Amino acid sequence: WGKVQEFYKEESVQDRLQNLTLTMLKQPKKAPKLRASAAQCRAL
């Protein structure tokens, strides 16, 4: 999450995640998938 925030600052990203938690990447008994809006995914 710290690295993501550095990237956001360096690149002046508009569509930012508010935070990044483990459950946003992988929910129990499910395949990994970033839980975010389309614009936030595109920006990452």
All heavy atoms as atom14 arrays in JSON, in Angstrom:
{
  "sequence": "WGKVQEFYKEESVQDRLQNLTLTMLKQPKKAPKLRASAAQCRAL",
  "atom14_mask": [
    [1, 1, 1, 1, 1, 1, 1, 1, 1, 1, 1, 1, 1, 1],
    [1, 1, 1, 1, 0, 0, 0, 0, 0, 0, 0, 0, 0, 0],
    [1, 1, 1, 1, 1, 1, 1, 1, 1, 0, 0, 0, 0, 0],
    [1, 1, 1, 1, 1, 1, 1, 0, 0, 0, 0, 0, 0, 0],
    [1, 1, 1, 1, 1, 1, 1, 1, 1, 0, 0, 0, 0, 0],
    [1, 1, 1, 1, 1, 1, 1, 1, 1, 0, 0, 0, 0, 0],
    [1, 1, 1, 1, 1, 1, 1, 1, 1, 1, 1, 0, 0, 0],
    [1, 1, 1, 1, 1, 1, 1, 1, 1, 1, 1, 1, 0, 0],
    [1, 1, 1, 1, 1, 1, 1, 1, 1, 0, 0, 0, 0, 0],
    [1, 1, 1, 1, 1, 1, 1, 1, 1, 0, 0, 0, 0, 0],
    [1, 1, 1, 1, 1, 1, 1, 1, 1, 0, 0, 0, 0, 0],
    [1, 1, 1, 1, 1, 1, 0, 0, 0, 0, 0, 0, 0, 0],
    [1, 1, 1, 1, 1, 1, 1, 0, 0, 0, 0, 0, 0, 0],
    [1, 1, 1, 1, 1, 1, 1, 1, 1, 0, 0, 0, 0, 0],
    [1, 1, 1, 1, 1, 1, 1, 1, 0, 0, 0, 0, 0, 0],
    [1, 1, 1, 1, 1, 1, 1, 1, 1, 1, 1, 0, 0, 0],
    [1, 1, 1, 1, 1, 1, 1, 1, 0, 0, 0, 0, 0, 0],
    [1, 1, 1, 1, 1, 1, 1, 1, 1, 0, 0, 0, 0, 0],
    [1, 1, 1, 1, 1, 1, 1, 1, 0, 0, 0, 0, 0, 0],
    [1, 1, 1, 1, 1, 1, 1, 1, 0, 0, 0, 0, 0, 0],
    [1, 1, 1, 1, 1, 1, 1, 0, 0, 0, 0, 0, 0, 0],
    [1, 1, 1, 1, 1, 1, 1, 1, 0, 0, 0, 0, 0, 0],
    [1, 1, 1, 1, 1, 1, 1, 0, 0, 0, 0, 0, 0, 0],
    [1, 1, 1, 1, 1, 1, 1, 1, 0, 0, 0, 0, 0, 0],
    [1, 1, 1, 1, 1, 1, 1, 1, 0, 0, 0, 0, 0, 0],
    [1, 1, 1, 1, 1, 1, 1, 1, 1, 0, 0, 0, 0, 0],
    [1, 1, 1, 1, 1, 1, 1, 1, 1, 0, 0, 0, 0, 0],
    [1, 1, 1, 1, 1, 1, 1, 0, 0, 0, 0, 0, 0, 0],
    [1, 1, 1, 1, 1, 1, 1, 1, 1, 0, 0, 0, 0, 0],
    [1, 1, 1, 1, 1, 1, 1, 1, 1, 0, 0, 0, 0, 0],
    [1, 1, 1, 1, 1, 0, 0, 0, 0, 0, 0, 0, 0, 0],
    [1, 1, 1, 1, 1, 1, 1, 0, 0, 0, 0, 0, 0, 0],
    [1, 1, 1, 1, 1, 1, 1, 1, 1, 0, 0, 0, 0, 0],
    [1, 1, 1, 1, 1, 1, 1, 1, 0, 0, 0, 0, 0, 0],
    [1, 1, 1, 1, 1, 1, 1, 1, 1, 1, 1, 0, 0, 0],
    [1, 1, 1, 1, 1, 0, 0, 0, 0, 0, 0, 0, 0, 0],
    [1, 1, 1, 1, 1, 1, 0, 0, 0, 0, 0, 0, 0, 0],
    [1, 1, 1, 1, 1, 0, 0, 0, 0, 0, 0, 0, 0, 0],
    [1, 1, 1, 1, 1, 0, 0, 0, 0, 0, 0, 0, 0, 0],
    [1, 1, 1, 1, 1, 1, 1, 1, 1, 0, 0, 0, 0, 0],
    [1, 1, 1, 1, 1, 1, 0, 0, 0, 0, 0, 0, 0, 0],
    [1, 1, 1, 1, 1, 1, 1, 1, 1, 1, 1, 0, 0, 0],
    [1, 1, 1, 1, 1, 0, 0, 0, 0, 0, 0, 0, 0, 0],
    [1, 1, 1, 1, 1, 1, 1, 1, 0, 0, 0, 0, 0, 0]
  ],
  "atom14_positions": [
    [[0.84, -1.2, 0.0], [0.0, 0.0, 0.0], [0.87, 1.25, 0.0], [0.58, 2.24, -0.69], [-0.95, -0.03, 1.19], [-1.76, 1.21, 1.38], [-1.84, 1.97, 2.51], [-2.59, 1.87, 0.42], [-2.67, 3.04, 2.31], [-3.15, 3.01, 1.02], [-2.92, 1.61, -0.9], [-4.01, 3.88, 0.38], [-3.78, 2.48, -1.57], [-4.31, 3.6, -0.93]],
    [[1.97, 1.23, 0.75], [2.9, 2.36, 0.75], [3.49, 2.59, -0.64], [3.62, 3.73, -1.09], [0.0, 0.0, 0.0], [0.0, 0.0, 0.0], [0.0, 0.0, 0.0], [0.0, 0.0, 0.0], [0.0, 0.0, 0.0], [0.0, 0.0, 0.0], [0.0, 0.0, 0.0], [0.0, 0.0, 0.0], [0.0, 0.0, 0.0], [0.0, 0.0, 0.0]],
    [[3.82, 1.51, -1.34], [4.36, 1.62, -2.7], [3.3, 2.17, -3.67], [3.61, 2.95, -4.56], [4.88, 0.27, -3.18], [6.16, -0.15, -2.48], [6.71, -1.42, -3.08], [8.09, -1.73, -2.56], [9.12, -0.82, -3.05], [0.0, 0.0, 0.0], [0.0, 0.0, 0.0], [0.0, 0.0, 0.0], [0.0, 0.0, 0.0], [0.0, 0.0, 0.0]],
    [[2.06, 1.74, -3.48], [0.96, 2.25, -4.31], [0.81, 3.76, -4.1], [0.68, 4.52, -5.06], [-0.37, 1.52, -4.01], [-1.55, 2.22, -4.66], [-0.31, 0.06, -4.45], [0.0, 0.0, 0.0], [0.0, 0.0, 0.0], [0.0, 0.0, 0.0], [0.0, 0.0, 0.0], [0.0, 0.0, 0.0], [0.0, 0.0, 0.0], [0.0, 0.0, 0.0]],
    [[0.86, 4.2, -2.86], [0.72, 5.63, -2.56], [1.87, 6.45, -3.17], [1.64, 7.54, -3.68], [0.65, 5.85, -1.05], [-0.66, 5.36, -0.47], [-0.72, 5.51, 1.03], [0.19, 5.1, 1.74], [-1.79, 6.11, 1.51], [0.0, 0.0, 0.0], [0.0, 0.0, 0.0], [0.0, 0.0, 0.0], [0.0, 0.0, 0.0], [0.0, 0.0, 0.0]],
    [[3.09, 5.89, -3.14], [4.22, 6.57, -3.78], [3.97, 6.71, -5.29], [4.22, 7.77, -5.87], [5.51, 5.77, -3.57], [6.06, 5.83, -2.17], [7.24, 4.89, -1.99], [7.89, 4.51, -2.99], [7.52, 4.52, -0.83], [0.0, 0.0, 0.0], [0.0, 0.0, 0.0], [0.0, 0.0, 0.0], [0.0, 0.0, 0.0], [0.0, 0.0, 0.0]],
    [[3.48, 5.64, -5.9], [3.17, 5.65, -7.33], [2.11, 6.71, -7.64], [2.24, 7.46, -8.61], [2.69, 4.27, -7.78], [2.16, 4.22, -9.19], [3.03, 4.21, -10.27], [0.8, 4.2, -9.42], [2.54, 4.18, -11.57], [0.3, 4.16, -10.72], [1.17, 4.15, -11.79], [0.0, 0.0, 0.0], [0.0, 0.0, 0.0], [0.0, 0.0, 0.0]],
    [[1.07, 6.78, -6.82], [0.02, 7.76, -7.02], [0.59, 9.18, -7.01], [0.21, 10.02, -7.84], [-1.05, 7.64, -5.93], [-2.0, 6.48, -6.07], [-2.75, 6.04, -4.99], [-2.19, 5.82, -7.29], [-3.65, 5.0, -5.11], [-3.08, 4.76, -7.4], [-3.81, 4.36, -6.31], [-4.69, 3.33, -6.42], [0.0, 0.0, 0.0], [0.0, 0.0, 0.0]],
    [[1.48, 9.47, -6.07], [2.09, 10.8, -5.98], [2.96, 11.09, -7.21], [2.86, 12.16, -7.81], [2.94, 10.93, -4.72], [2.17, 11.28, -3.5], [3.12, 11.51, -2.33], [2.35, 11.77, -1.06], [3.23, 11.88, 0.1], [0.0, 0.0, 0.0], [0.0, 0.0, 0.0], [0.0, 0.0, 0.0], [0.0, 0.0, 0.0], [0.0, 0.0, 0.0]],
    [[3.83, 10.14, -7.54], [4.76, 10.33, -8.67], [4.04, 10.55, -9.99], [4.45, 11.36, -10.81], [5.68, 9.1, -8.82], [6.69, 8.93, -7.72], [7.39, 7.59, -7.78], [7.18, 6.82, -8.76], [8.15, 7.29, -6.85], [0.0, 0.0, 0.0], [0.0, 0.0, 0.0], [0.0, 0.0, 0.0], [0.0, 0.0, 0.0], [0.0, 0.0, 0.0]],
    [[2.96, 9.81, -10.19], [2.25, 9.84, -11.48], [1.01, 10.74, -11.47], [0.29, 10.8, -12.47], [1.85, 8.42, -11.89], [3.01, 7.46, -12.04], [3.96, 7.86, -13.15], [3.48, 8.35, -14.2], [5.18, 7.69, -12.98], [0.0, 0.0, 0.0], [0.0, 0.0, 0.0], [0.0, 0.0, 0.0], [0.0, 0.0, 0.0], [0.0, 0.0, 0.0]],
    [[0.72, 11.39, -10.36], [-0.47, 12.24, -10.21], [-1.74, 11.51, -10.64], [-2.53, 12.0, -11.44], [-0.31, 13.53, -11.02], [0.82, 14.24, -10.6], [0.0, 0.0, 0.0], [0.0, 0.0, 0.0], [0.0, 0.0, 0.0], [0.0, 0.0, 0.0], [0.0, 0.0, 0.0], [0.0, 0.0, 0.0], [0.0, 0.0, 0.0], [0.0, 0.0, 0.0]],
    [[-1.94, 10.33, -10.08], [-3.09, 9.5, -10.42], [-4.35, 10.08, -9.8], [-4.37, 10.44, -8.62], [-2.86, 8.04, -9.93], [-4.09, 7.18, -10.15], [-1.65, 7.44, -10.63], [0.0, 0.0, 0.0], [0.0, 0.0, 0.0], [0.0, 0.0, 0.0], [0.0, 0.0, 0.0], [0.0, 0.0, 0.0], [0.0, 0.0, 0.0], [0.0, 0.0, 0.0]],
    [[-5.4, 10.17, -10.6], [-6.69, 10.71, -10.13], [-7.55, 9.64, -9.45], [-8.13, 9.88, -8.41], [-7.46, 11.27, -11.33], [-6.77, 12.41, -12.02], [-7.16, 13.74, -11.44], [-8.23, 13.88, -10.87], [-6.31, 14.73, -11.59], [0.0, 0.0, 0.0], [0.0, 0.0, 0.0], [0.0, 0.0, 0.0], [0.0, 0.0, 0.0], [0.0, 0.0, 0.0]],
    [[-7.65, 8.48, -10.1], [-8.54, 7.42, -9.63], [-7.8, 6.5, -8.67], [-7.23, 5.49, -9.06], [-9.09, 6.64, -10.82], [-9.87, 7.52, -11.77], [-10.81, 8.18, -11.3], [-9.52, 7.57, -12.96], [0.0, 0.0, 0.0], [0.0, 0.0, 0.0], [0.0, 0.0, 0.0], [0.0, 0.0, 0.0], [0.0, 0.0, 0.0], [0.0, 0.0, 0.0]],
    [[-7.81, 6.87, -7.41], [-7.01, 6.19, -6.39], [-7.84, 5.28, -5.51], [-8.99, 5.59, -5.2], [-6.32, 7.21, -5.5], [-5.4, 8.15, -6.23], [-4.81, 9.17, -5.29], [-3.9, 10.05, -6.01], [-2.9, 10.71, -5.43], [-2.72, 10.6, -4.14], [-2.12, 11.47, -6.15], [0.0, 0.0, 0.0], [0.0, 0.0, 0.0], [0.0, 0.0, 0.0]],
    [[-7.22, 4.21, -5.05], [-7.8, 3.4, -3.99], [-7.74, 4.21, -2.7], [-6.81, 5.02, -2.52], [-6.99, 2.12, -3.79], [-6.98, 1.1, -4.92], [-5.98, -0.01, -4.61], [-8.36, 0.51, -5.13], [0.0, 0.0, 0.0], [0.0, 0.0, 0.0], [0.0, 0.0, 0.0], [0.0, 0.0, 0.0], [0.0, 0.0, 0.0], [0.0, 0.0, 0.0]],
    [[-8.68, 4.01, -1.81], [-8.66, 4.69, -0.52], [-7.74, 3.96, 0.46], [-7.2, 4.55, 1.38], [-10.07, 4.8, 0.06], [-11.0, 5.62, -0.81], [-10.46, 7.01, -1.1], [-10.09, 7.73, -0.19], [-10.37, 7.37, -2.37], [0.0, 0.0, 0.0], [0.0, 0.0, 0.0], [0.0, 0.0, 0.0], [0.0, 0.0, 0.0], [0.0, 0.0, 0.0]],
    [[-7.61, 2.65, 0.26], [-6.69, 1.82, 1.03], [-6.49, 0.51, 0.28], [-7.11, 0.29, -0.76], [-7.22, 1.58, 2.45], [-8.5, 0.78, 2.47], [-9.08, 0.47, 1.44], [-8.97, 0.46, 3.65], [0.0, 0.0, 0.0], [0.0, 0.0, 0.0], [0.0, 0.0, 0.0], [0.0, 0.0, 0.0], [0.0, 0.0, 0.0], [0.0, 0.0, 0.0]],
    [[-5.62, -0.33, 0.78], [-5.39, -1.64, 0.17], [-5.22, -2.65, 1.28], [-4.29, -2.56, 2.08], [-4.14, -1.61, -0.72], [-3.82, -2.92, -1.46], [-4.94, -3.26, -2.45], [-2.5, -2.82, -2.17], [0.0, 0.0, 0.0], [0.0, 0.0, 0.0], [0.0, 0.0, 0.0], [0.0, 0.0, 0.0], [0.0, 0.0, 0.0], [0.0, 0.0, 0.0]],
    [[-6.16, -3.57, 1.34], [-6.11, -4.62, 2.36], [-6.0, -5.97, 1.68], [-6.26, -6.09, 0.48], [-7.38, -4.6, 3.23], [-8.51, -4.89, 2.39], [-7.58, -3.25, 3.91], [0.0, 0.0, 0.0], [0.0, 0.0, 0.0], [0.0, 0.0, 0.0], [0.0, 0.0, 0.0], [0.0, 0.0, 0.0], [0.0, 0.0, 0.0], [0.0, 0.0, 0.0]],
    [[-5.63, -6.96, 2.46], [-5.5, -8.31, 1.94], [-6.82, -8.81, 1.35], [-6.84, -9.46, 0.3], [-5.01, -9.25, 3.04], [-4.71, -10.68, 2.65], [-3.72, -10.76, 1.5], [-4.19, -11.45, 3.84], [0.0, 0.0, 0.0], [0.0, 0.0, 0.0], [0.0, 0.0, 0.0], [0.0, 0.0, 0.0], [0.0, 0.0, 0.0], [0.0, 0.0, 0.0]],
    [[-7.94, -8.47, 1.97], [-9.23, -8.94, 1.46], [-9.64, -8.24, 0.16], [-10.53, -8.71, -0.53], [-10.35, -8.77, 2.51], [-10.41, -7.41, 2.92], [-10.13, -9.68, 3.7], [0.0, 0.0, 0.0], [0.0, 0.0, 0.0], [0.0, 0.0, 0.0], [0.0, 0.0, 0.0], [0.0, 0.0, 0.0], [0.0, 0.0, 0.0], [0.0, 0.0, 0.0]],
    [[-8.99, -7.12, -0.15], [-9.25, -6.47, -1.44], [-8.54, -7.23, -2.57], [-8.89, -7.07, -3.74], [-8.79, -5.01, -1.42], [-9.66, -4.13, -0.57], [-9.01, -2.46, -0.42], [-9.25, -1.84, -2.08], [0.0, 0.0, 0.0], [0.0, 0.0, 0.0], [0.0, 0.0, 0.0], [0.0, 0.0, 0.0], [0.0, 0.0, 0.0], [0.0, 0.0, 0.0]],
    [[-7.55, -8.03, -2.22], [-6.82, -8.83, -3.21], [-7.3, -10.27, -3.25], [-7.35, -10.87, -4.31], [-5.32, -8.81, -2.89], [-4.62, -7.46, -2.93], [-3.18, -7.61, -2.48], [-4.69, -6.87, -4.32], [0.0, 0.0, 0.0], [0.0, 0.0, 0.0], [0.0, 0.0, 0.0], [0.0, 0.0, 0.0], [0.0, 0.0, 0.0], [0.0, 0.0, 0.0]],
    [[-7.63, -10.81, -2.09], [-8.03, -12.22, -2.03], [-9.03, -12.41, -0.91], [-8.74, -12.13, 0.24], [-6.79, -13.09, -1.77], [-7.07, -14.53, -1.45], [-6.92, -15.39, -2.66], [-7.04, -16.87, -2.36], [-8.37, -17.34, -2.1], [0.0, 0.0, 0.0], [0.0, 0.0, 0.0], [0.0, 0.0, 0.0], [0.0, 0.0, 0.0], [0.0, 0.0, 0.0]],
    [[-10.21, -12.87, -1.28], [-11.22, -13.19, -0.28], [-11.19, -14.69, -0.02], [-10.85, -15.46, -0.93], [-12.6, -12.74, -0.75], [-12.7, -11.23, -0.84], [-14.1, -10.74, -1.16], [-14.95, -11.5, -1.59], [-14.32, -9.46, -0.95], [0.0, 0.0, 0.0], [0.0, 0.0, 0.0], [0.0, 0.0, 0.0], [0.0, 0.0, 0.0], [0.0, 0.0, 0.0]],
    [[-11.53, -15.11, 1.19], [-11.48, -16.54, 1.52], [-12.29, -17.39, 0.53], [-13.4, -17.01, 0.13], [-12.1, -16.61, 2.92], [-11.94, -15.23, 3.47], [-12.0, -14.3, 2.3], [0.0, 0.0, 0.0], [0.0, 0.0, 0.0], [0.0, 0.0, 0.0], [0.0, 0.0, 0.0], [0.0, 0.0, 0.0], [0.0, 0.0, 0.0], [0.0, 0.0, 0.0]],
    [[-11.7, -18.49, 0.13], [-12.33, -19.48, -0.76], [-12.64, -18.94, -2.15], [-13.49, -19.46, -2.85], [-13.59, -20.06, -0.12], [-13.31, -20.79, 1.19], [-14.57, -21.41, 1.76], [-14.23, -22.07, 3.08], [-15.38, -22.69, 3.7], [0.0, 0.0, 0.0], [0.0, 0.0, 0.0], [0.0, 0.0, 0.0], [0.0, 0.0, 0.0], [0.0, 0.0, 0.0]],
    [[-11.98, -17.84, -2.53], [-12.16, -17.28, -3.87], [-10.79, -17.06, -4.49], [-9.79, -16.93, -3.79], [-12.92, -15.95, -3.82], [-14.37, -16.08, -3.45], [-15.07, -14.76, -3.62], [-16.56, -14.9, -3.32], [-17.26, -13.65, -3.55], [0.0, 0.0, 0.0], [0.0, 0.0, 0.0], [0.0, 0.0, 0.0], [0.0, 0.0, 0.0], [0.0, 0.0, 0.0]],
    [[-10.77, -17.0, -5.8], [-9.52, -16.71, -6.51], [-9.14, -15.25, -6.3], [-10.01, -14.41, -6.07], [-9.7, -17.0, -8.0], [0.0, 0.0, 0.0], [0.0, 0.0, 0.0], [0.0, 0.0, 0.0], [0.0, 0.0, 0.0], [0.0, 0.0, 0.0], [0.0, 0.0, 0.0], [0.0, 0.0, 0.0], [0.0, 0.0, 0.0], [0.0, 0.0, 0.0]],
    [[-7.85, -14.93, -6.37], [-7.44, -13.53, -6.23], [-8.1, -12.63, -7.28], [-8.24, -13.02, -8.44], [-5.93, -13.57, -6.44], [-5.54, -14.95, -6.09], [-6.7, -15.81, -6.52], [0.0, 0.0, 0.0], [0.0, 0.0, 0.0], [0.0, 0.0, 0.0], [0.0, 0.0, 0.0], [0.0, 0.0, 0.0], [0.0, 0.0, 0.0], [0.0, 0.0, 0.0]],
    [[-8.52, -11.47, -6.86], [-9.11, -10.47, -7.76], [-9.09, -9.15, -7.01], [-9.52, -9.09, -5.86], [-10.54, -10.85, -8.12], [-11.22, -9.84, -9.02], [-12.61, -10.29, -9.41], [-13.19, -9.31, -10.41], [-13.78, -9.97, -11.54], [0.0, 0.0, 0.0], [0.0, 0.0, 0.0], [0.0, 0.0, 0.0], [0.0, 0.0, 0.0], [0.0, 0.0, 0.0]],
    [[-8.59, -8.11, -7.65], [-8.57, -6.8, -7.01], [-10.0, -6.28, -6.93], [-10.68, -6.14, -7.95], [-7.68, -5.83, -7.79], [-7.64, -4.4, -7.25], [-7.05, -4.36, -5.84], [-6.85, -3.51, -8.18], [0.0, 0.0, 0.0], [0.0, 0.0, 0.0], [0.0, 0.0, 0.0], [0.0, 0.0, 0.0], [0.0, 0.0, 0.0], [0.0, 0.0, 0.0]],
    [[-10.45, -5.99, -5.74], [-11.78, -5.42, -5.53], [-11.65, -3.9, -5.59], [-11.21, -3.27, -4.63], [-12.36, -5.84, -4.19], [-12.43, -7.33, -3.9], [-13.25, -8.08, -4.93], [-13.53, -9.45, -4.51], [-13.02, -10.53, -5.1], [-12.19, -10.41, -6.11], [-13.37, -11.73, -4.72], [0.0, 0.0, 0.0], [0.0, 0.0, 0.0], [0.0, 0.0, 0.0]],
    [[-11.97, -3.34, -6.74], [-11.84, -1.89, -6.95], [-12.72, -1.5, -8.13], [-13.21, -2.36, -8.87], [-10.39, -1.54, -7.23], [0.0, 0.0, 0.0], [0.0, 0.0, 0.0], [0.0, 0.0, 0.0], [0.0, 0.0, 0.0], [0.0, 0.0, 0.0], [0.0, 0.0, 0.0], [0.0, 0.0, 0.0], [0.0, 0.0, 0.0], [0.0, 0.0, 0.0]],
    [[-12.88, -0.21, -8.31], [-13.65, 0.27, -9.46], [-12.84, 0.06, -10.73], [-11.63, -0.17, -10.69], [-13.98, 1.76, -9.31], [-12.82, 2.53, -9.52], [0.0, 0.0, 0.0], [0.0, 0.0, 0.0], [0.0, 0.0, 0.0], [0.0, 0.0, 0.0], [0.0, 0.0, 0.0], [0.0, 0.0, 0.0], [0.0, 0.0, 0.0], [0.0, 0.0, 0.0]],
    [[-13.51, 0.16, -11.86], [-12.84, 0.0, -13.15], [-11.73, 1.02, -13.31], [-10.61, 0.69, -13.74], [-13.85, 0.12, -14.29], [0.0, 0.0, 0.0], [0.0, 0.0, 0.0], [0.0, 0.0, 0.0], [0.0, 0.0, 0.0], [0.0, 0.0, 0.0], [0.0, 0.0, 0.0], [0.0, 0.0, 0.0], [0.0, 0.0, 0.0], [0.0, 0.0, 0.0]],
    [[-11.98, 2.26, -12.96], [-10.97, 3.32, -13.1], [-9.78, 3.08, -12.18], [-8.64, 3.32, -12.57], [-11.6, 4.68, -12.82], [0.0, 0.0, 0.0], [0.0, 0.0, 0.0], [0.0, 0.0, 0.0], [0.0, 0.0, 0.0], [0.0, 0.0, 0.0], [0.0, 0.0, 0.0], [0.0, 0.0, 0.0], [0.0, 0.0, 0.0], [0.0, 0.0, 0.0]],
    [[-10.04, 2.6, -10.98], [-8.95, 2.31, -10.05], [-8.09, 1.15, -10.54], [-6.87, 1.2, -10.43], [-9.52, 2.0, -8.66], [-10.14, 3.2, -8.0], [-10.98, 2.84, -6.78], [-11.47, 1.72, -6.65], [-11.16, 3.81, -5.89], [0.0, 0.0, 0.0], [0.0, 0.0, 0.0], [0.0, 0.0, 0.0], [0.0, 0.0, 0.0], [0.0, 0.0, 0.0]],
    [[-8.72, 0.14, -11.11], [-7.97, -0.99, -11.7], [-7.11, -0.5, -12.85], [-5.92, -0.81, -12.94], [-8.92, -2.07, -12.19], [-9.62, -3.1, -10.9], [0.0, 0.0, 0.0], [0.0, 0.0, 0.0], [0.0, 0.0, 0.0], [0.0, 0.0, 0.0], [0.0, 0.0, 0.0], [0.0, 0.0, 0.0], [0.0, 0.0, 0.0], [0.0, 0.0, 0.0]],
    [[-7.72, 0.25, -13.74], [-7.02, 0.77, -14.92], [-5.79, 1.58, -14.5], [-4.73, 1.48, -15.1], [-8.01, 1.63, -15.72], [-7.62, 1.95, -17.1], [-8.73, 2.65, -17.9], [-9.68, 3.46, -17.18], [-10.95, 3.13, -16.95], [-11.46, 2.0, -17.41], [-11.75, 3.94, -16.29], [0.0, 0.0, 0.0], [0.0, 0.0, 0.0], [0.0, 0.0, 0.0]],
    [[-5.93, 2.38, -13.45], [-4.83, 3.23, -12.99], [-3.7, 2.42, -12.37], [-2.55, 2.87, -12.35], [-5.35, 4.24, -11.97], [0.0, 0.0, 0.0], [0.0, 0.0, 0.0], [0.0, 0.0, 0.0], [0.0, 0.0, 0.0], [0.0, 0.0, 0.0], [0.0, 0.0, 0.0], [0.0, 0.0, 0.0], [0.0, 0.0, 0.0], [0.0, 0.0, 0.0]],
    [[-3.99, 1.22, -11.88], [-2.96, 0.4, -11.23], [-2.2, -0.51, -12.19], [-1.2, -1.11, -11.8], [-3.58, -0.44, -10.12], [-3.86, 0.31, -8.83], [-4.59, -0.59, -7.83], [-2.58, 0.85, -8.21], [0.0, 0.0, 0.0], [0.0, 0.0, 0.0], [0.0, 0.0, 0.0], [0.0, 0.0, 0.0], [0.0, 0.0, 0.0], [0.0, 0.0, 0.0]]
  ]
}
